[in-house]
PDB file of N, CA and C in Angstrom:
ATOM      1  N   MET A   1       0.310  20.181   5.655  1.00  0.00           N
ATOM      2  CA  MET A   1       0.504  19.319   4.765  1.00  0.00           C
ATOM      3  C   MET A   1       2.502  19.678   4.094  1.00  0.00           C
ATOM      4  N   ALA A   2       3.225  19.055   4.345  1.00  0.00           N
ATOM      5  CA  ALA A   2       4.232  19.375   3.480  1.00  0.00           C
ATOM      6  C   ALA A   2       4.522  19.169   1.761  1.00  0.00           C
ATOM      7  N   ARG A   3       5.049  20.871   1.165  1.00  0.00           N
ATOM      8  CA  ARG A   3       4.604  20.515  -0.035  1.00  0.00           C
ATOM      9  C   ARG A   3       6.539  20.490  -0.483  1.00  0.00           C
ATOM     10  N   ASP A   4       6.543  20.340  -1.523  1.00  0.00           N
ATOM     11  CA  ASP A   4       7.997  20.862  -2.002  1.00  0.00           C
ATOM     12  C   ASP A   4       7.682  21.778  -3.130  1.00  0.00           C
ATOM     13  N   ILE A   5       7.804  22.959  -2.751  1.00  0.00           N
ATOM     14  CA  ILE A   5       7.675  24.388  -3.388  1.00  0.00           C
ATOM     15  C   ILE A   5       8.036  24.393  -5.135  1.00  0.00           C
ATOM     16  N   LYS A   6       9.339  23.969  -4.582  1.00  0.00           N
ATOM     17  CA  LYS A   6       9.745  23.851  -6.196  1.00  0.00           C
ATOM     18  C   LYS A   6       9.756  22.902  -7.349  1.00  0.00           C
ATOM     19  N   LEU A   7       8.910  21.964  -6.544  1.00  0.00           N
ATOM     20  CA  LEU A   7       8.719  20.704  -7.853  1.00  0.00           C
ATOM     21  C   LEU A   7       6.952  21.094  -7.837  1.00  0.00           C
ATOM     22  N   GLY A   8       6.416  21.487  -6.643  1.00  0.00           N
ATOM     23  CA  GLY A   8       4.931  21.898  -7.033  1.00  0.00           C
ATOM     24  C   GLY A   8       3.831  20.517  -6.766  1.00  0.00           C
ATOM     25  N   TRP A   9       5.003  19.380  -6.299  1.00  0.00           N
ATOM     26  CA  TRP A   9       3.329  18.640  -5.710  1.00  0.00           C
ATOM     27  C   TRP A   9       3.511  18.259  -4.541  1.00  0.00           C
ATOM     28  N   ASP A  10       2.698  17.600  -4.222  1.00  0.00           N
ATOM     29  CA  ASP A  10       2.393  17.457  -2.271  1.00  0.00           C
ATOM     30  C   ASP A  10       1.545  15.598  -2.472  1.00  0.00           C
ATOM     31  N   VAL A  11       1.988  15.084  -1.498  1.00  0.00           N
ATOM     32  CA  VAL A  11       0.609  13.909  -2.069  1.00  0.00           C
ATOM     33  C   VAL A  11      -1.054  14.107  -2.015  1.00  0.00           C
ATOM     34  N   GLU A  12      -1.083  15.002  -1.892  1.00  0.00           N
ATOM     35  CA  GLU A  12      -2.608  14.790  -2.009  1.00  0.00           C
ATOM     36  C   GLU A  12      -3.011  15.136  -3.395  1.00  0.00           C
ATOM     37  N   SER A  13      -1.714  16.533  -3.801  1.00  0.00           N
ATOM     38  CA  SER A  13      -2.080  16.419  -5.439  1.00  0.00           C
ATOM     39  C   SER A  13      -1.744  15.323  -6.296  1.00  0.00           C
ATOM     40  N   LEU A  14      -0.613  14.503  -6.048  1.00  0.00           N
ATOM     41  CA  LEU A  14      -0.572  13.358  -6.109  1.00  0.00           C
ATOM     42  C   LEU A  14      -1.555  12.123  -5.854  1.00  0.00           C
ATOM     43  N   ASN A  15      -2.352  11.929  -5.273  1.00  0.00           N
ATOM     44  CA  ASN A  15      -3.928  11.442  -5.297  1.00  0.00           C
ATOM     45  C   ASN A  15      -4.654  11.459  -6.400  1.00  0.00           C
ATOM     46  N   LYS A  16      -5.012  13.113  -5.722  1.00  0.00           N
ATOM     47  CA  LYS A  16      -6.162  13.403  -6.896  1.00  0.00           C
ATOM     48  C   LYS A  16      -5.830  13.161  -8.645  1.00  0.00           C
ATOM     49  N   ALA A  17      -4.353  13.125  -8.694  1.00  0.00           N
ATOM     50  CA  ALA A  17      -3.696  13.202 -10.151  1.00  0.00           C
ATOM     51  C   ALA A  17      -3.860  11.207 -10.814  1.00  0.00           C
ATOM     52  N   TYR A  18      -4.077  10.585  -9.850  1.00  0.00           N
ATOM     53  CA  TYR A  18      -4.018   8.916  -9.417  1.00  0.00           C
ATOM     54  C   TYR A  18      -5.503   8.743  -9.561  1.00  0.00           C
ATOM     55  N   ARG A  19      -6.517   9.487  -8.894  1.00  0.00           N
ATOM     56  CA  ARG A  19      -7.820   9.319  -8.901  1.00  0.00           C
ATOM     57  C   ARG A  19      -8.600   9.704 -10.234  1.00  0.00           C
ATOM     58  N   GLN A  20      -7.669  10.897 -11.116  1.00  0.00           N
ATOM     59  CA  GLN A  20      -8.455  11.227 -12.019  1.00  0.00           C
ATOM     60  C   GLN A  20      -7.609  10.559 -13.406  1.00  0.00           C
ATOM     61  N   GLY A  21      -6.525  10.006 -13.635  1.00  0.00           N
ATOM     62  CA  GLY A  21      -6.554   9.306 -14.129  1.00  0.00           C
ATOM     63  C   GLY A  21      -6.747   7.595 -14.464  1.00  0.00           C
ATOM     64  N   TYR A  22      -7.421   7.057 -13.812  1.00  0.00           N
ATOM     65  CA  TYR A  22      -8.184   6.048 -13.173  1.00  0.00           C
ATOM     66  C   TYR A  22      -9.273   6.206 -13.599  1.00  0.00           C
ATOM     67  N   MET A  23     -10.187   7.552 -13.336  1.00  0.00           N
ATOM     68  CA  MET A  23     -11.396   7.474 -13.952  1.00  0.00           C
ATOM     69  C   MET A  23     -11.655   7.961 -15.393  1.00  0.00           C
ATOM     70  N   ALA A  24     -10.159   8.589 -16.089  1.00  0.00           N
ATOM     71  CA  ALA A  24     -10.365   8.816 -17.175  1.00  0.00           C
ATOM     72  C   ALA A  24      -9.918   7.964 -17.999  1.00  0.00           C
ATOM     73  N   SER A  25      -9.211   7.150 -17.879  1.00  0.00           N
ATOM     74  CA  SER A  25      -9.377   5.403 -18.387  1.00  0.00           C
ATOM     75  C   SER A  25     -10.545   4.315 -18.534  1.00  0.00           C
ATOM     76  N   VAL A  26     -11.646   4.464 -17.229  1.00  0.00           N
ATOM     77  CA  VAL A  26     -12.856   4.188 -17.110  1.00  0.00           C
ATOM     78  C   VAL A  26     -13.764   4.581 -18.109  1.00  0.00           C
ATOM     79  N   MET A  27     -13.537   5.991 -18.508  1.00  0.00           N
ATOM     80  CA  MET A  27     -14.312   6.959 -18.903  1.00  0.00           C
ATOM     81  C   MET A  27     -13.873   6.843 -20.452  1.00  0.00           C
ATOM     82  N   GLY A  28     -12.816   6.055 -20.883  1.00  0.00           N
ATOM     83  CA  GLY A  28     -12.785   5.866 -22.480  1.00  0.00           C
ATOM     84  C   GLY A  28     -11.690   7.080 -22.728  1.00  0.00           C
ATOM     85  N   MET A  29     -10.962   8.139 -21.544  1.00  0.00           N
ATOM     86  CA  MET A  29     -10.120   9.174 -22.220  1.00  0.00           C
ATOM     87  C   MET A  29      -8.852   8.596 -22.882  1.00  0.00           C
ATOM     88  N   PRO A  30      -8.007   8.663 -23.944  1.00  0.00           N
ATOM     89  CA  PRO A  30      -6.979   8.147 -24.218  1.00  0.00           C
ATOM     90  C   PRO A  30      -5.924   8.578 -23.616  1.00  0.00           C
ATOM     91  N   ARG A  31      -4.809   8.241 -22.861  1.00  0.00           N
ATOM     92  CA  ARG A  31      -4.086   8.560 -22.325  1.00  0.00           C
ATOM     93  C   ARG A  31      -3.315   9.421 -22.756  1.00  0.00           C
ATOM     94  N   GLU A  32      -2.654   9.874 -23.590  1.00  0.00           N
ATOM     95  CA  GLU A  32      -2.559  11.059 -24.618  1.00  0.00           C
ATOM     96  C   GLU A  32      -3.214  12.366 -23.850  1.00  0.00           C
ATOM     97  N   ARG A  33      -4.024  11.936 -23.198  1.00  0.00           N
ATOM     98  CA  ARG A  33      -4.953  13.584 -22.898  1.00  0.00           C
ATOM     99  C   ARG A  33      -4.739  13.552 -21.372  1.00  0.00           C
ATOM    100  N   CYS A  34      -3.813  13.494 -20.878  1.00  0.00           N
ATOM    101  CA  CYS A  34      -3.526  13.856 -19.589  1.00  0.00           C
ATOM    102  C   CYS A  34      -3.490  15.476 -19.605  1.00  0.00           C
ATOM    103  N   PRO A  35      -3.953  15.468 -18.622  1.00  0.00           N
ATOM    104  CA  PRO A  35      -3.995  17.133 -18.147  1.00  0.00           C
ATOM    105  C   PRO A  35      -2.715  18.100 -17.617  1.00  0.00           C
ATOM    106  N   TYR A  36      -2.028  16.940 -17.061  1.00  0.00           N
ATOM    107  CA  TYR A  36      -0.908  17.348 -16.135  1.00  0.00           C
ATOM    108  C   TYR A  36       0.217  17.656 -17.082  1.00  0.00           C
ATOM    109  N   ARG A  37       1.394  18.977 -16.440  1.00  0.00           N
ATOM    110  CA  ARG A  37       2.337  18.992 -16.681  1.00  0.00           C
ATOM    111  C   ARG A  37       3.641  18.435 -15.197  1.00  0.00           C
ATOM    112  N   GLY A  38       4.523  18.394 -15.894  1.00  0.00           N
ATOM    113  CA  GLY A  38       5.597  17.289 -14.712  1.00  0.00           C
ATOM    114  C   GLY A  38       5.397  16.545 -14.192  1.00  0.00           C
ATOM    115  N   GLU A  39       7.324  15.884 -14.108  1.00  0.00           N
ATOM    116  CA  GLU A  39       6.980  14.000 -14.791  1.00  0.00           C
ATOM    117  C   GLU A  39       6.441  13.638 -13.563  1.00  0.00           C
ATOM    118  N   VAL A  40       6.339  13.849 -12.032  1.00  0.00           N
ATOM    119  CA  VAL A  40       5.988  12.792 -11.046  1.00  0.00           C
ATOM    120  C   VAL A  40       4.516  13.471 -10.559  1.00  0.00           C
ATOM    121  N   VAL A  41       3.643  13.600 -11.147  1.00  0.00           N
ATOM    122  CA  VAL A  41       2.547  13.823 -10.896  1.00  0.00           C
ATOM    123  C   VAL A  41       1.744  13.399 -12.698  1.00  0.00           C
ATOM    124  N   ILE A  42       2.317  13.554 -13.852  1.00  0.00           N
ATOM    125  CA  ILE A  42       2.231  12.795 -14.924  1.00  0.00           C
ATOM    126  C   ILE A  42       2.190  11.482 -14.494  1.00  0.00           C
ATOM    127  N   ALA A  43       3.340  10.361 -13.398  1.00  0.00           N
ATOM    128  CA  ALA A  43       3.599   9.555 -13.686  1.00  0.00           C
ATOM    129  C   ALA A  43       2.621   8.921 -12.502  1.00  0.00           C
ATOM    130  N   ALA A  44       1.454   9.900 -12.210  1.00  0.00           N
ATOM    131  CA  ALA A  44       0.847   8.956 -10.854  1.00  0.00           C
ATOM    132  C   ALA A  44      -0.802   9.260 -11.799  1.00  0.00           C
ATOM    133  N   TRP A  45      -0.893  10.163 -12.610  1.00  0.00           N
ATOM    134  CA  TRP A  45      -2.377  10.300 -13.950  1.00  0.00           C
ATOM    135  C   TRP A  45      -1.777   9.043 -14.626  1.00  0.00           C
ATOM    136  N   GLU A  46      -1.093   8.663 -14.992  1.00  0.00           N
ATOM    137  CA  GLU A  46      -0.305   7.395 -15.474  1.00  0.00           C
ATOM    138  C   GLU A  46      -0.669   6.252 -14.751  1.00  0.00           C
ATOM    139  N   ALA A  47      -0.332   6.339 -13.735  1.00  0.00           N
ATOM    140  CA  ALA A  47      -0.236   5.392 -13.205  1.00  0.00           C
ATOM    141  C   ALA A  47      -2.079   4.991 -13.215  1.00  0.00           C
ATOM    142  N   GLY A  48      -2.499   5.822 -12.569  1.00  0.00           N
ATOM    143  CA  GLY A  48      -4.167   5.686 -12.533  1.00  0.00           C
ATOM    144  C   GLY A  48      -5.042   5.350 -13.486  1.00  0.00           C
ATOM    145  N   TRP A  49      -4.208   5.725 -14.571  1.00  0.00           N
ATOM    146  CA  TRP A  49      -4.924   5.385 -16.104  1.00  0.00           C
ATOM    147  C   TRP A  49      -4.599   3.779 -16.194  1.00  0.00           C
ATOM    148  N   GLU A  50      -3.181   3.316 -16.166  1.00  0.00           N
ATOM    149  CA  GLU A  50      -3.262   2.051 -16.344  1.00  0.00           C
ATOM    150  C   GLU A  50      -4.345   1.759 -15.407  1.00  0.00           C
ATOM    151  N   ASP A  51      -3.968   1.442 -14.006  1.00  0.00           N
ATOM    152  CA  ASP A  51      -5.280   0.484 -13.231  1.00  0.00           C
ATOM    153  C   ASP A  51      -6.620   0.498 -13.565  1.00  0.00           C
ATOM    154  N   GLY A  52      -7.111   1.942 -13.974  1.00  0.00           N
ATOM    155  CA  GLY A  52      -8.505   1.395 -14.580  1.00  0.00           C
ATOM    156  C   GLY A  52      -8.006   1.280 -15.793  1.00  0.00           C
ATOM    157  N   SER A  53      -7.613   1.184 -16.462  1.00  0.00           N
ATOM    158  CA  SER A  53      -7.253   0.160 -17.901  1.00  0.00           C
ATOM    159  C   SER A  53      -7.303  -1.138 -17.634  1.00  0.00           C
ATOM    160  N   ASP A  54      -6.531  -1.352 -16.862  1.00  0.00           N
ATOM    161  CA  ASP A  54      -6.547  -2.920 -15.974  1.00  0.00           C
ATOM    162  C   ASP A  54      -7.862  -3.248 -15.502  1.00  0.00           C
ATOM    163  N   ALA A  55      -8.727  -2.612 -14.718  1.00  0.00           N
ATOM    164  CA  ALA A  55      -9.901  -3.282 -13.924  1.00  0.00           C
ATOM    165  C   ALA A  55     -10.932  -3.488 -15.052  1.00  0.00           C
ATOM    166  N   LEU A  56     -11.343  -2.087 -16.193  1.00  0.00           N
ATOM    167  CA  LEU A  56     -11.978  -2.777 -17.266  1.00  0.00           C
ATOM    168  C   LEU A  56     -12.073  -3.820 -18.033  1.00  0.00           C
ATOM    169  N   ARG A  57     -10.749  -4.400 -18.095  1.00  0.00           N
ATOM    170  CA  ARG A  57     -10.369  -5.424 -19.197  1.00  0.00           C
ATOM    171  C   ARG A  57     -10.719  -6.582 -18.003  1.00  0.00           C
ATOM    172  N   GLN A  58     -10.026  -6.612 -16.667  1.00  0.00           N
ATOM    173  CA  GLN A  58     -10.464  -7.945 -15.788  1.00  0.00           C
ATOM    174  C   GLN A  58     -11.977  -7.941 -15.978  1.00  0.00           C
ATOM    175  N   GLU A  59     -13.134  -6.557 -16.064  1.00  0.00           N
ATOM    176  CA  GLU A  59     -14.669  -6.659 -16.057  1.00  0.00           C
ATOM    177  C   GLU A  59     -15.277  -7.038 -16.820  1.00  0.00           C
ATOM    178  N   GLN A  60     -14.350  -7.735 -18.657  1.00  0.00           N
ATOM    179  CA  GLN A  60     -14.914  -7.957 -19.831  1.00  0.00           C
ATOM    180  C   GLN A  60     -15.499  -9.014 -19.287  1.00  0.00           C
ATOM    181  N   PRO A  61     -16.418  -9.400 -20.059  1.00  0.00           N
ATOM    182  CA  PRO A  61     -16.710 -11.413 -19.922  1.00  0.00           C
ATOM    183  C   PRO A  61     -15.389 -11.790 -20.810  1.00  0.00           C
ATOM    184  N   GLY A  62     -15.299 -13.164 -19.963  1.00  0.00           N
ATOM    185  CA  GLY A  62     -14.369 -13.471 -20.383  1.00  0.00           C
ATOM    186  C   GLY A  62     -12.485 -13.481 -20.217  1.00  0.00           C
ATOM    187  N   ALA A  63     -12.585 -12.553 -19.418  1.00  0.00           N
ATOM    188  CA  ALA A  63     -11.354 -11.932 -18.755  1.00  0.00           C
ATOM    189  C   ALA A  63     -10.557 -13.056 -18.188  1.00  0.00           C
ATOM    190  N   SER A  64     -11.649 -13.342 -17.427  1.00  0.00           N
ATOM    191  CA  SER A  64     -10.620 -14.803 -16.691  1.00  0.00           C
ATOM    192  C   SER A  64      -9.900 -15.789 -17.430  1.00  0.00           C
ATOM    193  N   ASP A  65     -10.534 -16.368 -18.250  1.00  0.00           N
ATOM    194  CA  ASP A  65      -9.694 -17.073 -19.471  1.00  0.00           C
ATOM    195  C   ASP A  65      -8.507 -16.593 -19.917  1.00  0.00           C
ATOM    196  N   ARG A  66      -8.359 -15.419 -19.895  1.00  0.00           N
ATOM    197  CA  ARG A  66      -7.143 -14.550 -20.744  1.00  0.00           C
ATOM    198  C   ARG A  66      -6.074 -14.263 -19.699  1.00  0.00           C
ATOM    199  N   ILE A  67      -6.280 -14.385 -18.553  1.00  0.00           N
ATOM    200  CA  ILE A  67      -5.240 -13.966 -17.624  1.00  0.00           C
ATOM    201  C   ILE A  67      -4.482 -15.782 -16.963  1.00  0.00           C
ATOM    202  N   ALA A  68      -3.543 -14.963 -17.600  1.00  0.00           N
ATOM    203  CA  ALA A  68      -2.491 -15.822 -17.609  1.00  0.00           C
ATOM    204  C   ALA A  68      -1.658 -15.751 -15.727  1.00  0.00           C
TER     205      ALA A  68
END
């Protein structure tokens, strides 16, 4: 797997950060608790966190009534 040594990330690490961000959101962890450093990996974690948060909102009763 190609890895950018200077930046310290690869596709696998970004996927892992995304999955961890998703799970953190679903489990109620605040967004500010991102464990990563580095803009690209933080962005992947935050994208997962946002998607997890969206999924939780849509699972709540009456969520379909609020979607515009």
